[in-house]
Amino acid sequence: MKADPRQHALPIAAVLAAVLLLWYLGAIGLNSAGAIERVLAPKGAYTTGELITTTWNMQRPVLPSPHQVVIDLWHSLVDWPLDSPRNLLYHVAVTAESTLVGFVLGTLLGIVLAAAIVHSRTLDRALLPWIVASQTVPVLAIAPIVLVILGSLGFSGVAPKATIAMYLCFFPVTVAMVQGLRSPQRIETELLHTYAASRHQAFWLLRMPSALPFLFPSLRVAIAAGLVGAMVAELPTGAQAGLGARLLTGSYYGNTVAIWSALVMSALLGLGLTAAVAGVEKLVLRRRAS
């Protein structure tokens, strides 16, 4: 039996309604002081309705209301051409490029490291602790160092940002693939040995297929982490394009609506990238099952 779509739609709608309600209430609480001081007090007496309306429609609010963010997103997408820095899709494309390059590189690095760890006890003891320790360093601290080093070597543009994205991507892939490559049972490995299968054949015929259910969940985590890394890498470089640069520009000019628009767009980009990985997962696992 197919699940009723309403069973999934109703919980999502309920959570969305609760988030919007809390958002509007938060806008009233955080913006009320500024609304009274800058708008309402000079005019004299005011009602509660006027206070609420003002807090939801301020020019530079502490917390913009949801409809202000939606309006700003709409004007950004409609009023400017796609190649204009004022169009958020232009910044989405720049950040997505760095994210995808870093994701591919991080995935390949994670798979190679996992294969090396699984096939060598020495590498298992030598590499795995350092791989775990690498993630204890905050990305905000390491990003400027990496960017300066790569810049001195002549790398600019996508490469430095993709490197930071790769740094955050490879870890979940490595850990998941180590577990996945070790998941085949002993009887399965012994069966391949009876067929005189080489280590290379055992890897591609047994270990790699067994690791796929472990790989794809880690890829969804990795691509989301890569998006964060790409945006963080755009901050210390003073980049002119990308969602991170858009956030930085909004903070410089105190434009909180633009900041929240960029945050919402980055969330939508993350959802889209994660959904794309989930789609590839369903396709691959379906073919594997058939």
Protein backbone atom coordinates (compact mmCIF):
# COMPACT_ATOMS: atom_id res chain seq x y z
CA MET A 1 0.00 0.00 0.00
CA LYS A 2 1.17 3.49 -0.82
CA ALA A 3 1.39 5.90 2.05
CA ASP A 4 -1.11 8.73 2.06
CA PRO A 5 0.79 11.95 1.19
CA ARG A 6 -1.31 13.79 3.76
CA GLN A 7 0.34 11.74 6.52
CA HIS A 8 3.63 13.44 5.66
CA ALA A 9 2.21 16.84 4.70
CA LEU A 10 0.31 17.45 7.94
CA PRO A 11 3.31 17.14 10.33
CA ILE A 12 5.43 19.31 8.03
CA ALA A 13 2.68 21.94 7.85
CA ALA A 14 2.26 21.88 11.63
CA VAL A 15 5.99 22.38 12.23
CA LEU A 16 6.13 25.14 9.62
CA ALA A 17 3.16 26.92 11.22
CA ALA A 18 4.78 26.70 14.66
CA VAL A 19 8.08 28.08 13.30
CA LEU A 20 6.31 30.99 11.59
CA LEU A 21 4.32 31.78 14.74
CA LEU A 22 7.46 31.81 16.91
CA TRP A 23 9.26 33.86 14.27
CA TYR A 24 6.56 36.54 14.23
CA LEU A 25 6.42 36.60 18.03
CA GLY A 26 10.21 36.90 18.16
CA ALA A 27 10.08 39.81 15.72
CA ILE A 28 7.64 41.62 18.03
CA GLY A 29 9.80 41.06 21.10
CA LEU A 30 13.15 41.96 19.52
CA ASN A 31 11.98 44.89 17.40
CA SER A 32 9.58 46.57 19.83
CA ALA A 33 12.23 48.73 21.55
CA GLY A 34 13.52 50.09 18.26
CA ALA A 35 10.00 50.57 16.90
CA ILE A 36 8.96 52.63 19.92
CA GLU A 37 12.13 54.73 19.96
CA ARG A 38 12.47 55.41 16.24
CA VAL A 39 8.93 55.33 14.89
CA LEU A 40 6.11 55.40 17.44
CA ALA A 41 7.34 57.63 20.30
CA PRO A 42 7.84 60.75 18.10
CA LYS A 43 4.24 60.44 16.89
CA GLY A 44 2.75 60.36 20.40
CA ALA A 45 0.24 57.78 21.61
CA TYR A 46 0.06 54.44 19.83
CA THR A 47 -1.99 51.26 20.07
CA THR A 48 -0.86 47.66 20.43
CA GLY A 49 -1.88 47.00 16.84
CA GLU A 50 0.32 49.83 15.62
CA LEU A 51 3.23 48.49 17.66
CA ILE A 52 2.86 44.99 16.18
CA THR A 53 2.52 46.32 12.64
CA THR A 54 5.58 48.52 13.05
CA THR A 55 7.74 45.71 14.44
CA TRP A 56 6.84 43.57 11.43
CA ASN A 57 7.69 46.23 8.84
CA MET A 58 10.77 48.10 10.11
CA GLN A 59 13.48 49.18 7.69
CA ARG A 60 16.40 47.76 9.71
CA PRO A 61 14.91 45.34 12.22
CA VAL A 62 16.83 43.25 14.70
CA LEU A 63 14.82 40.25 13.49
CA PRO A 64 13.00 40.69 10.16
CA SER A 65 9.56 39.16 9.88
CA PRO A 66 9.05 36.21 7.50
CA HIS A 67 7.13 38.25 4.92
CA GLN A 68 9.97 40.79 4.77
CA VAL A 69 12.42 37.99 3.95
CA VAL A 70 10.08 36.55 1.31
CA ILE A 71 9.63 39.96 -0.32
CA ASP A 72 13.38 40.56 -0.36
CA LEU A 73 13.96 37.13 -1.91
CA TRP A 74 11.32 37.79 -4.56
CA HIS A 75 12.76 41.18 -5.54
CA SER A 76 16.26 39.71 -5.64
CA LEU A 77 15.22 36.91 -7.97
CA VAL A 78 12.88 38.90 -10.23
CA ASP A 79 14.19 42.45 -10.41
CA TRP A 80 17.77 41.62 -11.43
CA PRO A 81 19.32 39.46 -14.22
CA LEU A 82 20.88 36.16 -13.26
CA ASP A 83 24.42 37.44 -13.81
CA SER A 84 23.91 40.42 -11.50
CA PRO A 85 25.54 40.39 -8.03
CA ARG A 86 22.21 41.64 -6.69
CA ASN A 87 20.50 38.39 -7.72
CA LEU A 88 20.77 35.70 -5.04
CA LEU A 89 20.84 32.93 -7.65
CA TYR A 90 24.15 34.35 -8.87
CA HIS A 91 25.60 33.89 -5.38
CA VAL A 92 23.98 30.44 -5.09
CA ALA A 93 25.77 29.32 -8.26
CA VAL A 94 29.14 30.53 -6.96
CA THR A 95 28.76 28.78 -3.59
CA ALA A 96 27.30 25.63 -5.15
CA GLU A 97 30.30 25.32 -7.49
CA SER A 98 32.77 25.40 -4.61
CA THR A 99 30.60 23.03 -2.58
CA LEU A 100 30.31 20.43 -5.34
CA VAL A 101 34.02 20.51 -6.18
CA GLY A 102 34.92 20.14 -2.51
CA PHE A 103 32.30 17.40 -2.10
CA VAL A 104 33.71 15.34 -4.98
CA LEU A 105 37.28 15.76 -3.74
CA GLY A 106 36.30 15.01 -0.13
CA THR A 107 34.37 11.90 -1.17
CA LEU A 108 37.28 10.55 -3.19
CA LEU A 109 39.72 11.31 -0.38
CA GLY A 110 37.44 9.66 2.20
CA ILE A 111 37.05 6.48 0.12
CA VAL A 112 40.81 6.24 -0.52
CA LEU A 113 41.63 6.74 3.15
CA ALA A 114 39.01 4.20 4.22
CA ALA A 115 40.33 1.60 1.77
CA ALA A 116 43.88 2.16 3.03
CA ILE A 117 42.80 1.88 6.67
CA VAL A 118 40.81 -1.31 6.08
CA HIS A 119 43.65 -3.04 4.22
CA SER A 120 46.48 -2.02 6.55
CA ARG A 121 46.59 -2.37 10.32
CA THR A 122 49.52 0.05 10.42
CA LEU A 123 47.55 2.74 8.62
CA ASP A 124 44.55 1.98 10.82
CA ARG A 125 46.57 2.79 13.92
CA ALA A 126 48.48 5.67 12.33
CA LEU A 127 45.82 7.48 10.31
CA LEU A 128 42.47 7.06 12.05
CA PRO A 129 43.36 8.95 15.27
CA TRP A 130 44.71 11.87 13.24
CA ILE A 131 41.64 11.90 11.02
CA VAL A 132 39.43 12.17 14.09
CA ALA A 133 41.72 14.79 15.64
CA SER A 134 41.56 16.90 12.47
CA GLN A 135 37.88 17.59 13.07
CA THR A 136 38.51 19.05 16.52
CA VAL A 137 40.09 22.14 14.94
CA PRO A 138 37.38 24.79 14.31
CA VAL A 139 36.96 25.50 10.61
CA LEU A 140 36.87 29.24 11.35
CA ALA A 141 40.41 28.95 12.72
CA ILE A 142 41.86 26.78 9.97
CA ALA A 143 40.17 28.45 6.99
CA PRO A 144 42.29 31.66 6.98
CA ILE A 145 45.49 29.61 7.33
CA VAL A 146 44.60 27.34 4.41
CA LEU A 147 43.49 30.27 2.27
CA VAL A 148 46.73 32.19 2.90
CA ILE A 149 48.89 29.14 2.10
CA LEU A 150 47.00 28.35 -1.10
CA GLY A 151 47.02 32.01 -2.09
CA SER A 152 50.82 32.16 -1.71
CA LEU A 153 51.04 29.12 -4.00
CA GLY A 154 48.99 30.89 -6.66
CA PHE A 155 45.65 29.21 -6.08
CA SER A 156 42.61 31.48 -6.17
CA GLY A 157 38.94 31.39 -7.06
CA VAL A 158 37.21 28.06 -6.53
CA ALA A 159 40.25 26.04 -5.38
CA PRO A 160 40.73 27.54 -1.88
CA LYS A 161 37.01 27.42 -1.07
CA ALA A 162 36.72 23.88 -2.41
CA THR A 163 39.65 22.86 -0.21
CA ILE A 164 37.85 24.03 2.93
CA ALA A 165 34.70 22.24 1.76
CA MET A 166 36.75 19.08 1.16
CA TYR A 167 38.18 19.35 4.68
CA LEU A 168 34.68 19.07 6.14
CA CYS A 169 33.45 16.51 3.61
CA PHE A 170 36.06 13.79 3.86
CA PHE A 171 35.60 12.95 7.56
CA PRO A 172 32.04 11.51 7.56
CA VAL A 173 32.79 9.62 4.34
CA THR A 174 35.98 8.11 5.79
CA VAL A 175 34.36 6.97 9.04
CA ALA A 176 31.29 5.52 7.31
CA MET A 177 33.32 3.77 4.62
CA VAL A 178 35.64 2.17 7.18
CA GLN A 179 32.60 0.68 8.86
CA GLY A 180 31.02 -0.26 5.54
CA LEU A 181 34.10 -1.91 4.09
CA ARG A 182 34.41 -3.99 7.26
CA SER A 183 30.74 -4.99 7.22
CA PRO A 184 30.98 -8.21 5.10
CA GLN A 185 30.70 -11.34 7.21
CA ARG A 186 33.58 -13.78 7.51
CA ILE A 187 31.74 -16.46 5.56
CA GLU A 188 31.43 -14.10 2.60
CA THR A 189 35.14 -13.28 2.54
CA GLU A 190 36.04 -16.96 2.88
CA LEU A 191 33.76 -17.77 -0.06
CA LEU A 192 35.71 -15.37 -2.26
CA HIS A 193 38.95 -16.92 -1.07
CA THR A 194 37.71 -20.32 -2.23
CA TYR A 195 37.29 -18.81 -5.69
CA ALA A 196 40.88 -17.53 -5.52
CA ALA A 197 39.70 -13.94 -5.70
CA SER A 198 42.42 -11.33 -5.35
CA ARG A 199 42.27 -8.53 -2.78
CA HIS A 200 41.35 -6.13 -5.59
CA GLN A 201 38.49 -8.36 -6.74
CA ALA A 202 37.26 -8.84 -3.17
CA PHE A 203 37.20 -5.07 -2.73
CA TRP A 204 35.05 -4.37 -5.80
CA LEU A 205 32.87 -7.48 -5.70
CA LEU A 206 32.19 -7.68 -1.96
CA ARG A 207 33.46 -4.83 0.19
CA MET A 208 32.38 -1.91 -1.99
CA PRO A 209 28.80 -3.14 -2.62
CA SER A 210 28.45 -3.90 1.09
CA ALA A 211 29.60 -0.38 1.94
CA LEU A 212 27.04 1.43 -0.22
CA PRO A 213 24.33 1.54 2.50
CA PHE A 214 26.92 3.18 4.76
CA LEU A 215 28.29 5.50 2.08
CA PHE A 216 25.17 7.38 1.01
CA PRO A 217 24.01 8.55 4.45
CA SER A 218 27.52 9.90 4.99
CA LEU A 219 27.34 11.67 1.62
CA ARG A 220 24.22 13.53 2.71
CA VAL A 221 26.06 14.70 5.82
CA ALA A 222 29.18 15.50 3.81
CA ILE A 223 27.51 17.69 1.21
CA ALA A 224 25.75 19.71 3.93
CA ALA A 225 29.07 20.13 5.75
CA GLY A 226 30.73 21.08 2.47
CA LEU A 227 28.20 23.86 1.95
CA VAL A 228 29.07 25.26 5.38
CA GLY A 229 32.78 25.03 4.56
CA ALA A 230 32.36 26.84 1.24
CA MET A 231 30.42 29.67 2.89
CA VAL A 232 32.93 29.97 5.74
CA ALA A 233 35.79 30.12 3.20
CA GLU A 234 34.12 33.11 1.54
CA LEU A 235 34.22 35.18 4.73
CA PRO A 236 37.96 35.83 5.39
CA THR A 237 38.80 36.31 1.69
CA GLY A 238 36.56 39.33 1.18
CA ALA A 239 34.93 37.51 -1.72
CA GLN A 240 32.62 39.53 -3.94
CA ALA A 241 30.37 36.60 -4.81
CA GLY A 242 28.83 33.69 -2.93
CA LEU A 243 26.31 33.36 -0.14
CA GLY A 244 29.05 33.87 2.46
CA ALA A 245 30.02 37.13 0.77
CA ARG A 246 26.36 38.14 0.73
CA LEU A 247 26.14 37.53 4.47
CA LEU A 248 29.29 39.58 5.03
CA THR A 249 28.00 42.47 2.92
CA GLY A 250 24.69 42.48 4.78
CA SER A 251 26.49 42.59 8.14
CA TYR A 252 28.70 45.49 7.00
CA TYR A 253 25.69 47.64 6.12
CA GLY A 254 23.43 46.43 8.92
CA ASN A 255 20.96 45.02 6.40
CA THR A 256 19.45 42.22 8.47
CA VAL A 257 16.79 41.46 5.85
CA ALA A 258 19.51 40.70 3.26
CA ILE A 259 21.33 38.56 5.84
CA TRP A 260 18.23 36.48 6.50
CA SER A 261 17.48 36.20 2.78
CA ALA A 262 20.94 34.75 2.23
CA LEU A 263 20.46 32.37 5.17
CA VAL A 264 17.14 31.14 3.80
CA MET A 265 18.66 30.70 0.34
CA SER A 266 21.59 28.75 1.79
CA ALA A 267 19.13 26.49 3.62
CA LEU A 268 17.23 25.89 0.37
CA LEU A 269 20.50 25.16 -1.42
CA GLY A 270 21.45 22.67 1.30
CA LEU A 271 18.08 20.96 1.01
CA GLY A 272 18.42 20.78 -2.77
CA LEU A 273 21.92 19.29 -2.65
CA THR A 274 20.91 16.78 0.01
CA ALA A 275 17.83 15.80 -1.99
CA ALA A 276 20.01 15.29 -5.08
CA VAL A 277 22.29 12.92 -3.14
CA ALA A 278 19.23 11.08 -1.80
CA GLY A 279 17.93 10.71 -5.36
CA VAL A 280 21.22 9.20 -6.51
CA GLU A 281 21.13 6.89 -3.49
CA LYS A 282 17.68 5.54 -4.40
CA LEU A 283 18.74 5.01 -8.01
CA VAL A 284 21.98 3.19 -7.13
CA LEU A 285 20.48 1.01 -4.40
CA ARG A 286 17.51 0.14 -6.62
CA ARG A 287 19.85 -1.04 -9.40
CA ARG A 288 21.94 -2.93 -6.83
CA ALA A 289 18.85 -4.71 -5.51
CA SER A 290 17.69 -5.65 -9.00
